[in-house]
C-alpha atoms as a PDB file:
ATOM      1  CA  MET A   1      13.916-192.488  33.855  1.00  0.00           C
ATOM      2  CA  GLU A   2      15.619-191.046  30.906  1.00  0.00           C
ATOM      3  CA  PRO A   3      12.749-188.599  30.014  1.00  0.00           C
ATOM      4  CA  LEU A   4      13.047-187.463  33.455  1.00  0.00           C
ATOM      5  CA  ALA A   5      16.547-186.998  33.245  1.00  0.00           C
ATOM      6  CA  ALA A   6      16.411-185.022  29.919  1.00  0.00           C
ATOM      7  CA  ARG A   7      13.559-182.602  31.488  1.00  0.00           C
ATOM      8  CA  VAL A   8      16.015-182.023  34.282  1.00  0.00           C
ATOM      9  CA  HIS A   9      18.903-181.100  31.911  1.00  0.00           C
ATOM     10  CA  ALA A  10      16.671-178.659  29.922  1.00  0.00           C
ATOM     11  CA  LYS A  11      16.318-176.856  33.290  1.00  0.00           C
ATOM     12  CA  LYS A  12      20.126-176.696  33.597  1.00  0.00           C
ATOM     13  CA  ALA A  13      20.514-173.054  33.427  1.00  0.00           C
ATOM     14  CA  GLU A  14      18.336-172.434  36.297  1.00  0.00           C
ATOM     15  CA  TRP A  15      18.918-175.328  38.617  1.00  0.00           C
ATOM     16  CA  ARG A  16      22.594-176.263  38.101  1.00  0.00           C
ATOM     17  CA  VAL A  17      24.933-176.375  41.147  1.00  0.00           C
ATOM     18  CA  VAL A  18      28.682-175.567  39.948  1.00  0.00           C
ATOM     19  CA  ARG A  19      31.393-176.881  41.785  1.00  0.00           C
ATOM     20  CA  SER A  20      35.234-177.004  40.830  1.00  0.00           C
ATOM     21  CA  GLY A  21      34.074-175.368  37.235  1.00  0.00           C
ATOM     22  CA  THR A  22      31.840-178.650  36.889  1.00  0.00           C
ATOM     23  CA  SER A  23      28.030-178.235  36.313  1.00  0.00           C
ATOM     24  CA  HIS A  24      25.925-180.610  38.399  1.00  0.00           C
ATOM     25  CA  VAL A  25      22.014-181.199  37.367  1.00  0.00           C
ATOM     26  CA  ILE A  26      21.409-184.801  38.275  1.00  0.00           C
ATOM     27  CA  SER A  27      22.934-187.997  39.046  1.00  0.00           C
ATOM     28  CA  LEU A  28      20.865-190.973  37.906  1.00  0.00           C
ATOM     29  CA  TYR A  29      21.502-194.577  38.851  1.00  0.00           C
ATOM     30  CA  ALA A  30      18.707-196.944  37.923  1.00  0.00           C
ATOM     31  CA  ASP A  31      15.518-195.522  39.621  1.00  0.00           C
ATOM     32  CA  ASP A  32      17.597-193.455  42.312  1.00  0.00           C
ATOM     33  CA  PRO A  33      18.043-189.915  40.963  1.00  0.00           C
ATOM     34  CA  LEU A  34      19.755-187.010  42.777  1.00  0.00           C
ATOM     35  CA  ILE A  35      18.712-183.630  41.738  1.00  0.00           C
ATOM     36  CA  TYR A  36      21.011-180.596  42.195  1.00  0.00           C
ATOM     37  CA  MET A  37      19.096-177.277  42.974  1.00  0.00           C
ATOM     38  CA  ARG A  38      20.600-173.530  43.740  1.00  0.00           C
ATOM     39  CA  ARG A  39      18.268-171.007  45.008  1.00  0.00           C
ATOM     40  CA  THR A  40      16.342-173.733  46.421  1.00  0.00           C
ATOM     41  CA  LYS A  41      13.344-171.758  47.622  1.00  0.00           C
ATOM     42  CA  GLU A  42      12.626-170.482  43.975  1.00  0.00           C
ATOM     43  CA  VAL A  43      13.536-173.783  42.195  1.00  0.00           C
ATOM     44  CA  LEU A  44      12.031-176.612  44.478  1.00  0.00           C
ATOM     45  CA  PRO A  45       8.180-175.845  43.634  1.00  0.00           C
ATOM     46  CA  SER A  46       9.399-176.382  40.088  1.00  0.00           C
ATOM     47  CA  VAL A  47      10.942-179.718  40.859  1.00  0.00           C
ATOM     48  CA  MET A  48       8.013-181.025  42.807  1.00  0.00           C
ATOM     49  CA  SER A  49       5.676-179.930  39.792  1.00  0.00           C
ATOM     50  CA  LEU A  50       8.078-181.678  37.237  1.00  0.00           C
ATOM     51  CA  LEU A  51       8.081-185.012  39.265  1.00  0.00           C
ATOM     52  CA  SER A  52       4.147-184.777  39.784  1.00  0.00           C
ATOM     53  CA  GLU A  53       3.887-184.235  36.016  1.00  0.00           C
ATOM     54  CA  PHE A  54       6.084-187.078  35.466  1.00  0.00           C
ATOM     55  CA  GLY A  55       4.746-189.512  37.672  1.00  0.00           C
ATOM     56  CA  GLY A  56       0.972-188.951  36.169  1.00  0.00           C
ATOM     57  CA  ILE A  57       2.366-189.896  32.733  1.00  0.00           C
ATOM     58  CA  SER A  58       4.941-192.723  33.571  1.00  0.00           C
ATOM     59  CA  GLY A  59       2.990-194.307  36.475  1.00  0.00           C
ATOM     60  CA  LEU A  60       5.717-194.195  38.712  1.00  0.00           C
ATOM     61  CA  ILE A  61       5.420-192.935  42.300  1.00  0.00           C
ATOM     62  CA  VAL A  62       7.861-191.290  44.339  1.00  0.00           C
ATOM     63  CA  ASN A  63       8.982-193.023  47.522  1.00  0.00           C
ATOM     64  CA  TRP A  64       8.821-190.227  49.883  1.00  0.00           C
ATOM     65  CA  GLY A  65      10.108-192.051  52.804  1.00  0.00           C
ATOM     66  CA  LYS A  66      13.450-192.303  51.225  1.00  0.00           C
ATOM     67  CA  SER A  67      13.341-188.713  49.701  1.00  0.00           C
ATOM     68  CA  CYS A  68      14.857-185.814  51.357  1.00  0.00           C
ATOM     69  CA  ILE A  69      16.518-182.364  50.722  1.00  0.00           C
ATOM     70  CA  PHE A  70      20.126-182.070  51.744  1.00  0.00           C
ATOM     71  CA  PRO A  71      21.220-178.812  52.143  1.00  0.00           C
ATOM     72  CA  LEU A  72      24.920-178.117  50.866  1.00  0.00           C
ATOM     73  CA  ILE A  73      24.901-174.854  52.619  1.00  0.00           C
ATOM     74  CA  SER A  74      23.582-173.413  55.833  1.00  0.00           C
ATOM     75  CA  TRP A  75      20.225-172.407  54.301  1.00  0.00           C
ATOM     76  CA  PRO A  76      17.372-172.629  55.929  1.00  0.00           C
ATOM     77  CA  PRO A  77      18.665-170.869  59.157  1.00  0.00           C
ATOM     78  CA  ALA A  78      16.318-172.550  61.235  1.00  0.00           C
ATOM     79  CA  ARG A  79      15.302-176.427  61.067  1.00  0.00           C
ATOM     80  CA  GLN A  80      11.717-175.646  61.990  1.00  0.00           C
ATOM     81  CA  GLU A  81      11.446-172.979  59.309  1.00  0.00           C
ATOM     82  CA  ASN A  82      10.965-173.187  55.503  1.00  0.00           C
ATOM     83  CA  ALA A  83       9.528-176.635  55.602  1.00  0.00           C
ATOM     84  CA  PRO A  84       9.536-178.458  52.433  1.00  0.00           C
ATOM     85  CA  PRO A  85       6.464-179.151  50.218  1.00  0.00           C
ATOM     86  CA  GLY A  86       4.185-182.195  50.953  1.00  0.00           C
ATOM     87  CA  GLN A  87       6.017-185.234  52.195  1.00  0.00           C
ATOM     88  CA  LEU A  88       9.339-184.131  51.463  1.00  0.00           C
ATOM     89  CA  LYS A  89      11.706-183.647  54.542  1.00  0.00           C
ATOM     90  CA  TRP A  90      14.932-182.166  55.568  1.00  0.00           C
ATOM     91  CA  CYS A  91      18.146-184.299  55.699  1.00  0.00           C
ATOM     92  CA  PHE A  92      20.600-181.816  57.401  1.00  0.00           C
ATOM     93  CA  ASP A  93      23.441-184.165  58.751  1.00  0.00           C
ATOM     94  CA  THR A  94      23.264-187.230  56.195  1.00  0.00           C
ATOM     95  CA  PHE A  95      21.124-189.186  53.754  1.00  0.00           C
ATOM     96  CA  LYS A  96      21.995-192.795  52.250  1.00  0.00           C
ATOM     97  CA  TYR A  97      22.418-193.125  48.500  1.00  0.00           C
ATOM     98  CA  LEU A  98      22.954-196.448  46.946  1.00  0.00           C
ATOM     99  CA  GLY A  99      24.185-197.817  50.292  1.00  0.00           C
ATOM    100  CA  VAL A 100      26.470-195.206  51.279  1.00  0.00           C
ATOM    101  CA  ASN A 101      25.931-192.671  53.945  1.00  0.00           C
ATOM    102  CA  VAL A 102      26.667-189.045  52.452  1.00  0.00           C
ATOM    103  CA  TYR A 103      27.741-186.204  54.727  1.00  0.00           C
ATOM    104  CA  HIS A 104      28.953-182.627  54.498  1.00  0.00           C
ATOM    105  CA  ARG A 105      32.318-183.540  55.299  1.00  0.00           C
ATOM    106  CA  ALA A 106      34.687-186.143  53.544  1.00  0.00           C
ATOM    107  CA  GLU A 107      36.091-186.931  56.919  1.00  0.00           C
ATOM    108  CA  ASP A 108      32.814-188.458  58.123  1.00  0.00           C
ATOM    109  CA  LEU A 109      32.545-190.707  55.373  1.00  0.00           C
ATOM    110  CA  ARG A 110      34.924-193.190  56.941  1.00  0.00           C
ATOM    111  CA  ASP A 111      33.328-193.563  60.203  1.00  0.00           C
ATOM    112  CA  GLY A 112      29.831-193.029  58.830  1.00  0.00           C
ATOM    113  CA  ASN A 113      30.332-196.143  56.408  1.00  0.00           C
ATOM    114  CA  LEU A 114      33.369-198.147  57.007  1.00  0.00           C
ATOM    115  CA  GLY A 115      33.131-197.691  60.624  1.00  0.00           C
ATOM    116  CA  ARG A 116      29.558-199.247  60.790  1.00  0.00           C
ATOM    117  CA  ALA A 117      30.589-201.730  58.221  1.00  0.00           C
ATOM    118  CA  VAL A 118      33.393-203.146  60.555  1.00  0.00           C
ATOM    119  CA  THR A 119      31.151-202.953  63.662  1.00  0.00           C
ATOM    120  CA  SER A 120      28.818-205.546  61.920  1.00  0.00           C
ATOM    121  CA  ILE A 121      31.525-207.764  60.116  1.00  0.00           C
ATOM    122  CA  LYS A 122      33.021-207.946  63.628  1.00  0.00           C
ATOM    123  CA  GLY A 123      29.847-209.152  64.921  1.00  0.00           C
ATOM    124  CA  SER A 124      29.513-211.617  61.938  1.00  0.00           C
ATOM    125  CA  LEU A 125      32.918-213.045  62.313  1.00  0.00           C
ATOM    126  CA  ARG A 126      32.264-213.808  66.144  1.00  0.00           C
ATOM    127  CA  PHE A 127      29.305-216.032  65.031  1.00  0.00           C
ATOM    128  CA  TRP A 128      31.262-217.943  62.139  1.00  0.00           C
ATOM    129  CA  ASN A 129      34.232-218.183  64.717  1.00  0.00           C
ATOM    130  CA  LYS A 130      32.244-220.799  67.050  1.00  0.00           C
ATOM    131  CA  LEU A 131      31.449-223.145  64.432  1.00  0.00           C
ATOM    132  CA  PRO A 132      33.910-226.025  63.790  1.00  0.00           C
ATOM    133  CA  LEU A 133      35.534-224.970  60.450  1.00  0.00           C
ATOM    134  CA  SER A 134      39.193-225.337  59.239  1.00  0.00           C
ATOM    135  CA  PRO A 135      41.153-222.208  58.629  1.00  0.00           C
ATOM    136  CA  LEU A 136      40.788-222.636  55.012  1.00  0.00           C
ATOM    137  CA  GLY A 137      37.145-222.643  55.528  1.00  0.00           C
ATOM    138  CA  LYS A 138      37.449-219.506  57.805  1.00  0.00           C
ATOM    139  CA  VAL A 139      39.534-217.894  54.634  1.00  0.00           C
ATOM    140  CA  THR A 140      36.562-218.577  52.379  1.00  0.00           C
ATOM    141  CA  ILE A 141      34.120-217.201  54.776  1.00  0.00           C
ATOM    142  CA  ALA A 142      36.202-213.902  54.735  1.00  0.00           C
ATOM    143  CA  ASN A 143      36.533-213.858  51.030  1.00  0.00           C
ATOM    144  CA  MET A 144      32.550-214.543  50.495  1.00  0.00           C
ATOM    145  CA  LEU A 145      31.188-212.354  53.082  1.00  0.00           C
ATOM    146  CA  VAL A 146      33.620-209.745  54.471  1.00  0.00           C
ATOM    147  CA  LEU A 147      35.548-208.600  51.243  1.00  0.00           C
ATOM    148  CA  PRO A 148      32.450-207.980  49.021  1.00  0.00           C
ATOM    149  CA  ARG A 149      31.021-205.846  51.711  1.00  0.00           C
ATOM    150  CA  LEU A 150      34.149-203.751  51.964  1.00  0.00           C
ATOM    151  CA  LEU A 151      35.218-203.624  48.240  1.00  0.00           C
ATOM    152  CA  TYR A 152      32.018-201.698  47.366  1.00  0.00           C
ATOM    153  CA  TYR A 153      32.986-199.003  50.294  1.00  0.00           C
ATOM    154  CA  PHE A 154      36.278-199.122  48.974  1.00  0.00           C
ATOM    155  CA  ALA A 155      35.225-198.131  45.374  1.00  0.00           C
ATOM    156  CA  ALA A 156      32.616-195.828  46.028  1.00  0.00           C
ATOM    157  CA  LEU A 157      34.291-193.859  48.872  1.00  0.00           C
ATOM    158  CA  PRO A 158      37.020-190.959  48.022  1.00  0.00           C
ATOM    159  CA  ILE A 159      38.603-191.007  51.493  1.00  0.00           C
ATOM    160  CA  ILE A 160      42.297-191.898  52.741  1.00  0.00           C
ATOM    161  CA  ILE A 161      41.842-195.191  54.816  1.00  0.00           C
ATOM    162  CA  PRO A 162      44.393-195.061  57.830  1.00  0.00           C
ATOM    163  CA  LYS A 163      46.609-197.646  58.594  1.00  0.00           C
ATOM    164  CA  SER A 164      44.831-198.405  61.849  1.00  0.00           C
ATOM    165  CA  PHE A 165      41.391-199.607  60.156  1.00  0.00           C
ATOM    166  CA  PHE A 166      43.281-202.225  58.323  1.00  0.00           C
ATOM    167  CA  ASN A 167      45.100-203.353  61.335  1.00  0.00           C
ATOM    168  CA  SER A 168      41.717-203.727  63.207  1.00  0.00           C
ATOM    169  CA  LEU A 169      40.086-205.618  60.003  1.00  0.00           C
ATOM    170  CA  ASN A 170      43.421-207.857  60.267  1.00  0.00           C
ATOM    171  CA  SER A 171      43.176-208.624  63.963  1.00  0.00           C
ATOM    172  CA  ALA A 172      39.547-209.960  63.417  1.00  0.00           C
ATOM    173  CA  LEU A 173      40.581-212.053  60.464  1.00  0.00           C
ATOM    174  CA  VAL A 174      43.433-213.577  62.364  1.00  0.00           C
ATOM    175  CA  GLN A 175      40.841-214.287  65.387  1.00  0.00           C
ATOM    176  CA  LEU A 176      38.745-215.726  62.885  1.00  0.00           C
ATOM    177  CA  VAL A 177      41.363-218.261  61.414  1.00  0.00           C
ATOM    178  CA  TRP A 178      42.911-219.104  64.847  1.00  0.00           C
ATOM    179  CA  GLY A 179      40.144-218.474  67.446  1.00  0.00           C
ATOM    180  CA  GLU A 180      41.229-217.720  70.705  1.00  0.00           C
ATOM    181  CA  GLY A 181      44.506-220.212  70.532  1.00  0.00           C
ATOM    182  CA  ARG A 182      48.028-219.192  69.344  1.00  0.00           C
ATOM    183  CA  ARG A 183      48.697-218.035  65.780  1.00  0.00           C
ATOM    184  CA  ARG A 184      50.344-220.950  63.958  1.00  0.00           C
ATOM    185  CA  VAL A 185      51.506-218.757  60.984  1.00  0.00           C
ATOM    186  CA  ALA A 186      51.925-215.087  60.815  1.00  0.00           C
ATOM    187  CA  LEU A 187      49.215-213.365  58.607  1.00  0.00           C
ATOM    188  CA  THR A 188      51.454-212.402  55.639  1.00  0.00           C
ATOM    189  CA  PRO A 189      51.830-216.114  54.429  1.00  0.00           C
ATOM    190  CA  LEU A 190      48.222-216.647  54.604  1.00  0.00           C
ATOM    191  CA  TYR A 191      47.780-214.047  51.875  1.00  0.00           C
ATOM    192  CA  HIS A 192      49.807-216.449  49.340  1.00  0.00           C
ATOM    193  CA  PRO A 193      47.650-218.619  47.118  1.00  0.00           C
ATOM    194  CA  VAL A 194      46.815-222.125  48.301  1.00  0.00           C
ATOM    195  CA  ALA A 195      48.671-223.662  45.350  1.00  0.00           C
ATOM    196  CA  GLU A 196      51.814-221.391  47.177  1.00  0.00           C
ATOM    197  CA  GLY A 197      51.012-222.743  50.621  1.00  0.00           C
ATOM    198  CA  GLY A 198      48.944-220.032  51.657  1.00  0.00           C
ATOM    199  CA  LEU A 199      45.177-219.729  52.552  1.00  0.00           C
ATOM    200  CA  GLY A 200      44.315-217.103  49.965  1.00  0.00           C
ATOM    201  CA  ALA A 201      43.324-214.551  52.674  1.00  0.00           C
ATOM    202  CA  PRO A 202      42.170-211.015  51.453  1.00  0.00           C
ATOM    203  CA  ASN A 203      44.692-208.449  51.927  1.00  0.00           C
ATOM    204  CA  PHE A 204      42.309-205.522  52.542  1.00  0.00           C
ATOM    205  CA  GLU A 205      44.706-202.983  52.319  1.00  0.00           C
ATOM    206  CA  LEU A 206      45.599-203.706  48.501  1.00  0.00           C
ATOM    207  CA  TYR A 207      42.351-204.398  47.585  1.00  0.00           C
ATOM    208  CA  SER A 208      41.512-200.927  49.051  1.00  0.00           C
ATOM    209  CA  ALA A 209      44.785-199.570  46.952  1.00  0.00           C
ATOM    210  CA  ALA A 210      43.243-201.076  43.735  1.00  0.00           C
ATOM    211  CA  ALA A 211      39.945-199.499  43.896  1.00  0.00           C
ATOM    212  CA  GLN A 212      41.686-196.033  44.616  1.00  0.00           C
ATOM    213  CA  LEU A 213      44.003-196.642  41.757  1.00  0.00           C
ATOM    214  CA  GLN A 214      41.009-197.149  39.485  1.00  0.00           C
ATOM    215  CA  TRP A 215      40.465-193.465  39.641  1.00  0.00           C
ATOM    216  CA  ILE A 216      44.149-192.789  38.475  1.00  0.00           C
ATOM    217  CA  LEU A 217      43.303-194.703  35.486  1.00  0.00           C
ATOM    218  CA  ASN A 218      40.195-192.789  34.685  1.00  0.00           C
ATOM    219  CA  TRP A 219      42.053-189.656  34.627  1.00  0.00           C
ATOM    220  CA  ILE A 220      44.483-190.760  32.281  1.00  0.00           C
ATOM    221  CA  HIS A 221      42.246-192.697  29.880  1.00  0.00           C
ATOM    222  CA  ARG A 222      38.941-190.265  30.227  1.00  0.00           C
ATOM    223  CA  PRO A 223      40.720-186.925  29.644  1.00  0.00           C
ATOM    224  CA  SER A 224      37.146-185.367  29.105  1.00  0.00           C
ATOM    225  CA  SER A 225      35.751-186.538  32.709  1.00  0.00           C
ATOM    226  CA  ALA A 226      35.283-184.097  35.189  1.00  0.00           C
ATOM    227  CA  GLU A 227      37.885-184.827  37.396  1.00  0.00           C
ATOM    228  CA  ALA A 228      40.761-184.874  34.460  1.00  0.00           C
ATOM    229  CA  THR A 229      39.307-181.602  33.184  1.00  0.00           C
ATOM    230  CA  TRP A 230      39.642-180.038  36.643  1.00  0.00           C
ATOM    231  CA  LEU A 231      43.039-181.311  37.047  1.00  0.00           C
ATOM    232  CA  LYS A 232      44.209-179.723  33.715  1.00  0.00           C
ATOM    233  CA  THR A 233      43.092-176.353  34.466  1.00  0.00           C
ATOM    234  CA  ARG A 234      45.055-176.639  37.674  1.00  0.00           C
ATOM    235  CA  LEU A 235      48.048-178.012  35.876  1.00  0.00           C
ATOM    236  CA  GLN A 236      48.348-175.240  33.562  1.00  0.00           C
ATOM    237  CA  GLY A 237      49.818-177.217  30.726  1.00  0.00           C
ATOM    238  CA  VAL A 238      51.923-179.684  32.755  1.00  0.00           C
ATOM    239  CA  PRO A 239      51.052-183.233  31.332  1.00  0.00           C
ATOM    240  CA  LEU A 240      49.122-185.192  33.491  1.00  0.00           C
ATOM    241  CA  LEU A 241      51.178-188.188  33.738  1.00  0.00           C
ATOM    242  CA  LYS A 242      54.258-186.352  34.055  1.00  0.00           C
ATOM    243  CA  TRP A 243      52.658-184.533  37.182  1.00  0.00           C
ATOM    244  CA  LEU A 244      51.689-188.052  38.539  1.00  0.00           C
ATOM    245  CA  MET A 245      54.975-189.295  38.425  1.00  0.00           C
ATOM    246  CA  ASP A 246      56.527-186.352  40.108  1.00  0.00           C
ATOM    247  CA  LYS A 247      57.373-187.737  43.692  1.00  0.00           C
ATOM    248  CA  ARG A 248      57.202-184.303  44.909  1.00  0.00           C
ATOM    249  CA  THR A 249      53.666-183.353  44.101  1.00  0.00           C
ATOM    250  CA  LYS A 250      51.474-182.937  47.296  1.00  0.00           C
ATOM    251  CA  SER A 251      48.141-184.563  47.590  1.00  0.00           C
ATOM    252  CA  THR A 252      46.848-181.716  50.083  1.00  0.00           C
ATOM    253  CA  ARG A 253      46.835-179.285  47.024  1.00  0.00           C
ATOM    254  CA  ILE A 254      44.198-181.022  44.802  1.00  0.00           C
ATOM    255  CA  ASN A 255      40.426-181.605  45.265  1.00  0.00           C
ATOM    256  CA  PRO A 256      39.830-183.461  48.546  1.00  0.00           C
ATOM    257  CA  LEU A 257      37.523-185.714  46.679  1.00  0.00           C
ATOM    258  CA  MET A 258      40.643-186.643  44.480  1.00  0.00           C
ATOM    259  CA  ALA A 259      43.360-186.453  47.130  1.00  0.00           C
ATOM    260  CA  ALA A 260      42.801-190.052  48.320  1.00  0.00           C
ATOM    261  CA  ALA A 261      43.634-191.864  45.073  1.00  0.00           C
ATOM    262  CA  HIS A 262      46.684-189.447  44.577  1.00  0.00           C
ATOM    263  CA  ALA A 263      48.091-190.469  47.940  1.00  0.00           C
ATOM    264  CA  CYS A 264      47.521-193.921  47.189  1.00  0.00           C
ATOM    265  CA  TRP A 265      49.256-193.425  43.996  1.00  0.00           C
ATOM    266  CA  LYS A 266      51.886-191.658  45.530  1.00  0.00           C
ATOM    267  CA  LYS A 267      52.549-194.389  48.110  1.00  0.00           C
ATOM    268  CA  TYR A 268      53.082-197.170  45.532  1.00  0.00           C
ATOM    269  CA  ILE A 269      54.822-194.871  43.101  1.00  0.00           C
ATOM    270  CA  GLN A 270      57.880-194.640  45.472  1.00  0.00           C
ATOM    271  CA  LYS A 271      58.289-198.386  45.089  1.00  0.00           C
ATOM    272  CA  THR A 272      58.832-197.806  41.232  1.00  0.00           C
ATOM    273  CA  PRO A 273      62.504-198.119  39.795  1.00  0.00           C
ATOM    274  CA  LYS A 274      64.355-194.831  39.046  1.00  0.00           C
ATOM    275  CA  ASN A 275      64.461-195.904  35.344  1.00  0.00           C
ATOM    276  CA  PHE A 276      60.787-196.004  35.046  1.00  0.00           C
ATOM    277  CA  PRO A 277      59.547-193.566  32.415  1.00  0.00           C
ATOM    278  CA  THR A 278      58.282-190.462  33.768  1.00  0.00           C
ATOM    279  CA  HIS A 279      55.682-189.577  31.004  1.00  0.00           C
ATOM    280  CA  ARG A 280      54.361-190.028  27.548  1.00  0.00           C
ATOM    281  CA  SER A 281      54.220-187.347  25.087  1.00  0.00           C
ATOM    282  CA  SER A 282      50.521-188.265  24.140  1.00  0.00           C
ATOM    283  CA  HIS A 283      49.502-187.190  27.615  1.00  0.00           C
END
């Protein structure tokens, strides 16, 4: 796939889509590429020709059943018009990439992904709840079957997750552990490791926070990344770490796709001691 990516990059000047000062041409994960196009009506025939040429040389075949065009703006004006060539189809509302449903609005990412996942998870937990398992065994089920499914979305989705979402998950977890009977122990002690008297239950909210805060590390330790470059432009010379440590900073004033990580950072930075260093000169 690397030769295909190289050919696409060679067309960067003609095809690229620019957002927040960053040029996007192709995103490639294994054999699942995303190709970005501007002036789609003019560029699309060239893209189809390139895919045909590459397939003829490599022997690879495009899975047209999973391929589509997702317009970032309102073009084309009518869904019945401007039919794409060949077996390619339009995806006007959403499309799935690497297991994530992609939408035009960041607000739709939560319901379209986490909402569906939680509905499926609750159905699975109702099944496991009927089995004669110990509380520790049921927590193990949650750690093995529920947490990995959610961790992927926590890491992949740049969205702010409301407290109500975690309350719903915790309610399902408690019902799994204790069934329909009375709670014997509150949820918080169950988070503790088994060696400390708990059950090692997953704290979904902290796992989500850890996934979001990974992006903060990327901004600091990868200053050439697209996100860090965009931030430097907006900060106008203010050191990044100093800006992050400023508790007065508004998350709503930055890129919406970065706001979730920054909001999570601000939530937990409030708990730092007052004498915590505010910045390092190297940043």
